[in-house]
Each structure stands twice: as structure tokens, then as C-alpha cells.
Amino acid sequence: MSIGNSPEDERPFQDVSEETGPSVGRALMQARIAAGLTVDDVSSATRVRIAIVHAIEADDFAPCGGDVYARGHIRTLARAVHLDPAPLIAQYDAAHGGRPAPTPAAPLFEAERIRPERRGPNWTAAMVAAIVAVVGFVGFTAFKGGDSGNDAKSQVADGAPTASPSKAASPTPKKDKPAAPTSEASDSAIAAAPQDKVTVQVSAAGGRSWISAKDHNGRMLFDGLLKQGESKTFQDSSKINLILGDAGAIQLYVNGKKIEDNFQKGAVERLTYTKGDPEAG
């Protein structure tokens, strides 16, 4: 009989950490090291502050400011170190209660309600031009008719033969009606934006991108994924705050003007626009 621990107590412990795989932050750190990049390199490439990069690699997402910003940073850092961001975001969602349903945009800011109407042809000007042409033609014809009658009377008085009605002065050719003026479409999809408000249109021209929009009171106007080809328009009395998950895929129109910033593909951008000249916040 042996004295001491029983055989059951001598069984080896099962290493759970080896089976579950690395955490989100550790996976990003390992991929960065494997790519030969420093934290400064990743921060410069993604515009994510060095302190936040260190925190994320330590699985501390509190400095990100919330789940929405944390997902955006994870996506940006994963692309910078050549990782697929989808599994990492899914792992983050599983550990933090899942991703909430996107908040629908307020009805006041629906893009369809502030979409400018396209100007049609100016039919009023065309009708005025046509009336002027008809009046001129009638007056010209009456004037020519009066001259022809005076000439015929003079010929009768002088004993000259009168011309037959069929050989009278040839009718004056009718003038063609002027073509109705056409109006070209506006260069900007929001050229008719009101001057007393700030109007921002976000178009996913280069691919899909997650976006977030808030008004000057911090109220959420939209938080969700914008597919390629889709667009959203937001309007406020003084200020619109934007966060673009993939700024390189987005085209912006602010107060009727196209924003020409050269955003990097996959970069997260935080922007603020007012009803004055467009300014990046």
C-alpha cells in the first residue's frame, strides 16, 4: 500500500489555454512581430494612437471608447499586420456580448427627404420664345401683304397688267420654333443643400464601409454598414460628427461640395463638418 496522493491526484492538468488559441490582442501582437513591424510603424500606418495599440495588444479595449470604436480599431490593425479581421471581430463579439443591432436613422434625416429635385427644362422661356416668333411671323406676313396690295393698285393706275393671285409674292417660310432649353444635372447630389444647415452625404463608392453619424447634441443618426453603391445623407442645424470605418471607400459631399481628401484604404477617420466651409474635425 502506497502512502501519499492517490493516482487520481497525479493525473496531469489539461492546458486549456493551448486549446482555446490566442486572444484578439495576442493574435494582433504576434502577427505584427511576424511582419517585422513595431508599434510605432502600426500607429503611423493606421493613425491609431500608440497607447491604444498597446492597450489592444494587452486585450484592454477600454481606451477605445466603446464596442463600436473597438471593432473599428481591431479591423484597422488586423489589415495593417495582414490578418483577416472577420475572425478577430467575431471573437471580440463573442467575448463582449455580441454586436448590437444598428440604430435606424432618425426620420428627420432620411436621405430621401432632402434629396434635391432635378431641374427640368424651362418650358416658360420656351413658350415665350415661341409666342414671340409667331407674333413676329404674323406681323411680317401682314406687312408684306400690305406692300403687295399697294404695288397692285399702282400697276392698275398706270395701266400695267396685274399679276395673278397665284403668281403673287412667294409666302415667307415659317420660322422653326426654338428648341426648349435643357438643363444639365447638378454636379453634386446635394447641390441644393440649404445654407442655414450642414448637409453631409456619405457614399460607399469604393466598397462597403461601416459608418457612424451623430448630430451636434451627440444623438446617433446612423450606425451600421454601408454597402458599395449605397449612400446616406445627414442634416443638422450646426454640426455633423462622422466616424468612417474604411475611409478609403467613402466619397463625401459637404454643403454641396465634394471633399477631395485622399483617405487611405482601411483607415478609420473621425470627421466633423459645420454649415460653414467644410472643415475636417
Protein backbone atom coordinates (compact mmCIF):
# COMPACT_ATOMS: atom_id res chain seq x y z
CA MET A 1 0.00 0.00 0.00
CA SER A 2 1.41 3.39 -1.01
CA ILE A 3 1.12 6.36 1.24
CA GLY A 4 0.54 9.80 -0.35
CA ASN A 5 -1.57 11.13 -3.13
CA SER A 6 -3.91 8.78 -4.94
CA PRO A 7 -3.36 8.08 -8.68
CA GLU A 8 -6.27 10.36 -9.48
CA ASP A 9 -4.40 13.29 -7.89
CA GLU A 10 -1.34 12.56 -10.02
CA ARG A 11 -3.14 12.97 -13.34
CA PRO A 12 -1.67 15.87 -15.40
CA PHE A 13 -3.63 19.08 -15.67
CA GLN A 14 -5.25 19.88 -19.02
CA ASP A 15 -3.86 23.08 -20.53
CA VAL A 16 -6.96 25.00 -21.58
CA SER A 17 -5.01 27.93 -22.98
CA GLU A 18 -3.41 25.78 -25.69
CA GLU A 19 -6.78 24.59 -26.96
CA THR A 20 -8.61 27.90 -26.99
CA GLY A 21 -5.97 29.70 -29.09
CA PRO A 22 -4.59 33.23 -28.63
CA SER A 23 -6.76 36.17 -27.62
CA VAL A 24 -7.56 39.03 -30.01
CA GLY A 25 -4.80 41.27 -28.67
CA ARG A 26 -2.20 38.49 -28.59
CA ALA A 27 -3.07 37.44 -32.17
CA LEU A 28 -2.56 41.03 -33.36
CA MET A 29 0.75 41.32 -31.50
CA GLN A 30 2.06 38.01 -32.88
CA ALA A 31 1.10 39.00 -36.43
CA ARG A 32 2.79 42.39 -36.00
CA ILE A 33 6.01 40.80 -34.77
CA ALA A 34 5.90 38.22 -37.57
CA ALA A 35 5.54 41.06 -40.10
CA GLY A 36 8.61 42.78 -38.66
CA LEU A 37 6.66 45.89 -37.59
CA THR A 38 6.94 47.95 -34.42
CA VAL A 39 4.06 49.55 -32.57
CA ASP A 40 5.19 52.92 -33.96
CA ASP A 41 5.04 51.51 -37.50
CA VAL A 42 1.50 50.24 -37.00
CA SER A 43 0.40 53.52 -35.38
CA SER A 44 1.80 55.57 -38.27
CA ALA A 45 0.17 53.34 -40.88
CA THR A 46 -3.27 53.22 -39.22
CA ARG A 47 -3.42 56.60 -37.42
CA VAL A 48 -4.34 54.73 -34.24
CA ARG A 49 -2.55 56.20 -31.21
CA ILE A 50 0.36 54.23 -29.77
CA ALA A 51 -1.30 53.97 -26.35
CA ILE A 52 -4.41 52.40 -27.89
CA VAL A 53 -2.30 49.91 -29.91
CA HIS A 54 -0.51 48.82 -26.72
CA ALA A 55 -3.84 48.53 -24.87
CA ILE A 56 -5.48 46.42 -27.58
CA GLU A 57 -2.49 44.06 -27.76
CA ALA A 58 -2.93 43.62 -24.00
CA ASP A 59 -6.66 42.87 -24.55
CA ASP A 60 -7.62 46.12 -22.82
CA PHE A 61 -10.31 47.73 -25.01
CA ALA A 62 -11.44 50.41 -22.54
CA PRO A 63 -9.28 53.18 -24.14
CA CYS A 64 -11.11 52.58 -27.44
CA GLY A 65 -14.18 54.34 -26.06
CA GLY A 66 -16.78 51.65 -26.70
CA ASP A 67 -17.53 48.50 -28.70
CA VAL A 68 -18.07 50.37 -31.97
CA TYR A 69 -14.65 52.01 -31.83
CA ALA A 70 -13.00 48.80 -30.59
CA ARG A 71 -14.30 46.89 -33.63
CA GLY A 72 -13.05 49.62 -35.94
CA HIS A 73 -9.58 49.57 -34.35
CA ILE A 74 -9.40 45.76 -34.50
CA ARG A 75 -10.33 45.82 -38.18
CA THR A 76 -7.75 48.52 -38.96
CA LEU A 77 -4.89 46.88 -37.00
CA ALA A 78 -5.64 43.44 -38.49
CA ARG A 79 -5.34 44.78 -42.02
CA ALA A 80 -2.11 46.57 -41.14
CA VAL A 81 -0.50 43.30 -39.97
CA HIS A 82 -2.02 41.22 -42.81
CA LEU A 83 -4.68 39.37 -40.80
CA ASP A 84 -8.29 38.66 -41.73
CA PRO A 85 -10.27 40.96 -39.38
CA ALA A 86 -13.53 38.94 -39.53
CA PRO A 87 -12.50 36.09 -37.13
CA LEU A 88 -10.99 38.58 -34.67
CA ILE A 89 -14.14 40.73 -34.63
CA ALA A 90 -16.28 37.61 -34.19
CA GLN A 91 -14.05 36.56 -31.27
CA TYR A 92 -14.38 40.05 -29.76
CA ASP A 93 -18.18 39.99 -30.13
CA ALA A 94 -18.37 36.56 -28.51
CA ALA A 95 -16.38 37.81 -25.54
CA HIS A 96 -18.32 41.09 -25.17
CA GLY A 97 -21.93 40.01 -25.60
CA GLY A 98 -22.26 40.25 -29.40
CA ARG A 99 -22.73 43.22 -31.65
CA PRO A 100 -25.91 45.30 -31.04
CA ALA A 101 -28.39 45.88 -33.85
CA PRO A 102 -27.66 49.11 -35.75
CA THR A 103 -29.68 52.13 -34.72
CA PRO A 104 -32.02 53.23 -37.52
CA ALA A 105 -31.55 56.76 -38.79
CA ALA A 106 -33.98 59.35 -37.46
CA PRO A 107 -36.83 60.06 -39.94
CA LEU A 108 -35.88 63.74 -39.98
CA PHE A 109 -32.52 62.87 -41.54
CA GLU A 110 -33.65 60.33 -44.15
CA ALA A 111 -31.69 60.86 -47.34
CA GLU A 112 -34.84 60.67 -49.44
CA ARG A 113 -36.36 63.72 -47.70
CA ILE A 114 -33.53 66.07 -48.56
CA ARG A 115 -32.72 64.72 -51.97
CA PRO A 116 -32.74 67.73 -54.33
CA GLU A 117 -35.13 67.70 -57.24
CA ARG A 118 -33.60 67.74 -60.68
CA ARG A 119 -34.46 70.84 -62.63
CA GLY A 120 -36.46 70.15 -65.75
CA PRO A 121 -36.49 72.15 -69.00
CA ASN A 122 -37.58 75.78 -68.70
CA TRP A 123 -40.87 75.46 -70.57
CA THR A 124 -41.91 79.02 -69.65
CA ALA A 125 -38.98 80.51 -71.55
CA ALA A 126 -39.63 78.19 -74.48
CA MET A 127 -43.31 79.23 -74.66
CA VAL A 128 -42.39 82.93 -74.51
CA ALA A 129 -39.88 82.45 -77.34
CA ALA A 130 -42.44 80.58 -79.42
CA ILE A 131 -45.08 83.31 -78.90
CA VAL A 132 -42.59 86.00 -79.89
CA ALA A 133 -41.73 84.04 -83.05
CA VAL A 134 -45.41 83.61 -84.00
CA VAL A 135 -46.21 87.31 -83.41
CA GLY A 136 -43.21 88.33 -85.45
CA PHE A 137 -44.18 85.98 -88.28
CA VAL A 138 -47.78 87.29 -88.33
CA GLY A 139 -46.61 90.91 -88.33
CA PHE A 140 -44.08 90.24 -91.08
CA THR A 141 -46.71 88.48 -93.21
CA ALA A 142 -49.21 91.34 -92.75
CA PHE A 143 -46.56 93.87 -93.64
CA LYS A 144 -45.61 92.02 -96.83
CA GLY A 145 -49.29 91.59 -97.72
CA GLY A 146 -49.87 95.35 -97.39
CA ASP A 147 -46.91 96.13 -99.67
CA SER A 148 -48.16 93.68 -102.31
CA GLY A 149 -51.63 95.34 -102.32
CA ASN A 150 -50.12 98.81 -102.78
CA ASP A 151 -47.98 97.56 -105.68
CA ALA A 152 -51.05 96.05 -107.39
CA LYS A 153 -53.01 99.30 -107.05
CA SER A 154 -50.13 101.26 -108.55
CA GLN A 155 -49.93 98.92 -111.52
CA VAL A 156 -53.70 99.25 -112.21
CA ALA A 157 -53.48 103.03 -112.09
CA ASP A 158 -50.56 103.06 -114.55
CA GLY A 159 -52.36 100.66 -116.92
CA ALA A 160 -49.94 97.83 -116.21
CA PRO A 161 -51.34 94.29 -116.08
CA THR A 162 -51.88 92.97 -112.59
CA ALA A 163 -50.24 89.79 -111.54
CA SER A 164 -52.45 86.78 -110.96
CA PRO A 165 -53.01 85.74 -107.37
CA SER A 166 -51.14 82.51 -108.00
CA LYS A 167 -48.04 84.49 -109.05
CA ALA A 168 -48.07 86.81 -106.08
CA ALA A 169 -45.13 87.14 -103.77
CA SER A 170 -43.98 83.76 -102.53
CA PRO A 171 -45.02 83.02 -98.97
CA THR A 172 -42.45 83.70 -96.34
CA PRO A 173 -41.03 80.44 -94.94
CA LYS A 174 -42.08 79.70 -91.42
CA LYS A 175 -39.53 80.06 -88.72
CA ASP A 176 -38.75 76.97 -86.73
CA LYS A 177 -39.67 77.17 -83.08
CA PRO A 178 -36.62 77.49 -80.84
CA ALA A 179 -35.62 74.30 -79.12
CA ALA A 180 -36.57 74.12 -75.49
CA PRO A 181 -33.53 74.78 -73.31
CA THR A 182 -32.25 71.80 -71.42
CA SER A 183 -30.69 71.87 -68.01
CA GLU A 184 -27.76 69.70 -67.06
CA ALA A 185 -27.86 67.66 -63.88
CA SER A 186 -26.17 69.20 -60.90
CA ASP A 187 -22.52 68.21 -60.35
CA SER A 188 -23.24 67.41 -56.73
CA ALA A 189 -26.01 65.12 -55.49
CA ILE A 190 -26.74 67.72 -52.78
CA ALA A 191 -26.18 70.98 -54.68
CA ALA A 192 -29.49 72.31 -53.33
CA ALA A 193 -28.40 71.96 -49.68
CA PRO A 194 -29.86 74.78 -47.51
CA GLN A 195 -27.44 77.48 -46.43
CA ASP A 196 -28.64 77.62 -42.81
CA LYS A 197 -27.84 73.94 -42.11
CA VAL A 198 -24.97 71.49 -42.53
CA THR A 199 -25.69 68.71 -45.02
CA VAL A 200 -23.36 65.70 -45.39
CA GLN A 201 -23.77 62.89 -47.93
CA VAL A 202 -21.75 59.69 -47.43
CA SER A 203 -21.42 57.40 -50.48
CA ALA A 204 -19.71 53.98 -50.46
CA ALA A 205 -18.21 54.48 -53.92
CA GLY A 206 -15.11 52.29 -53.47
CA GLY A 207 -16.52 49.42 -51.41
CA ARG A 208 -18.51 48.75 -48.28
CA SER A 209 -17.68 50.54 -45.04
CA TRP A 210 -19.06 50.82 -41.53
CA ILE A 211 -20.06 54.42 -40.66
CA SER A 212 -21.37 56.26 -37.61
CA ALA A 213 -23.04 59.71 -37.68
CA LYS A 214 -24.13 61.96 -34.79
CA ASP A 215 -25.71 65.42 -34.62
CA HIS A 216 -24.42 68.38 -32.58
CA ASN A 217 -26.18 67.04 -29.46
CA GLY A 218 -24.41 63.68 -29.73
CA ARG A 219 -27.57 61.87 -30.80
CA MET A 220 -26.87 58.86 -33.02
CA LEU A 221 -28.20 59.36 -36.56
CA PHE A 222 -26.81 56.17 -38.08
CA ASP A 223 -24.57 53.29 -37.01
CA GLY A 224 -24.17 50.44 -39.45
CA LEU A 225 -22.64 49.02 -42.62
CA LEU A 226 -22.94 50.92 -45.89
CA LYS A 227 -22.70 48.55 -48.88
CA GLN A 228 -20.92 49.53 -52.09
CA GLY A 229 -23.08 51.85 -54.16
CA GLU A 230 -25.25 52.88 -51.21
CA SER A 231 -25.35 56.38 -49.74
CA LYS A 232 -26.75 58.18 -46.72
CA THR A 233 -27.39 61.89 -46.24
CA PHE A 234 -27.46 63.60 -42.83
CA GLN A 235 -28.51 67.14 -41.91
CA ASP A 236 -28.25 69.21 -38.74
CA SER A 237 -28.60 72.84 -37.73
CA SER A 238 -24.92 73.27 -36.84
CA LYS A 239 -22.67 70.17 -36.87
CA ILE A 240 -22.38 66.55 -38.08
CA ASN A 241 -19.83 64.18 -36.47
CA LEU A 242 -18.70 61.19 -38.58
CA ILE A 243 -16.65 58.06 -37.99
CA LEU A 244 -15.66 56.12 -41.12
CA GLY A 245 -14.54 52.51 -40.64
CA ASP A 246 -12.93 52.37 -44.11
CA ALA A 247 -12.43 55.96 -45.20
CA GLY A 248 -10.72 54.96 -48.45
CA ALA A 249 -14.01 53.51 -49.74
CA ILE A 250 -16.06 56.64 -48.94
CA GLN A 251 -16.84 59.73 -51.06
CA LEU A 252 -18.13 62.78 -49.13
CA TYR A 253 -20.23 65.73 -50.24
CA VAL A 254 -20.48 68.51 -47.65
CA ASN A 255 -22.79 71.51 -48.12
CA GLY A 256 -22.91 70.85 -51.86
CA LYS A 257 -19.12 70.49 -52.22
CA LYS A 258 -17.14 67.35 -52.98
CA ILE A 259 -14.45 66.58 -50.39
CA GLU A 260 -11.16 65.70 -52.11
CA ASP A 261 -9.29 64.23 -49.09
CA ASN A 262 -7.11 61.25 -50.07
CA PHE A 263 -8.15 58.82 -47.35
CA GLN A 264 -6.17 55.57 -47.09
CA LYS A 265 -7.88 52.26 -47.77
CA GLY A 266 -8.88 50.64 -44.47
CA ALA A 267 -8.14 53.77 -42.41
CA VAL A 268 -10.52 54.85 -39.63
CA GLU A 269 -11.34 58.58 -39.84
CA ARG A 270 -13.15 60.85 -37.35
CA LEU A 271 -14.52 63.97 -39.07
CA THR A 272 -16.63 66.99 -38.09
CA TYR A 273 -18.38 69.30 -40.56
CA THR A 274 -20.29 72.54 -39.95
CA LYS A 275 -22.57 74.72 -42.05
CA GLY A 276 -19.60 76.94 -43.00
CA ASP A 277 -16.80 75.90 -45.33
CA PRO A 278 -16.10 72.14 -44.96
CA GLU A 279 -13.52 71.52 -42.25
CA ALA A 280 -12.20 68.16 -41.07
CA GLY A 281 -12.51 67.87 -37.29
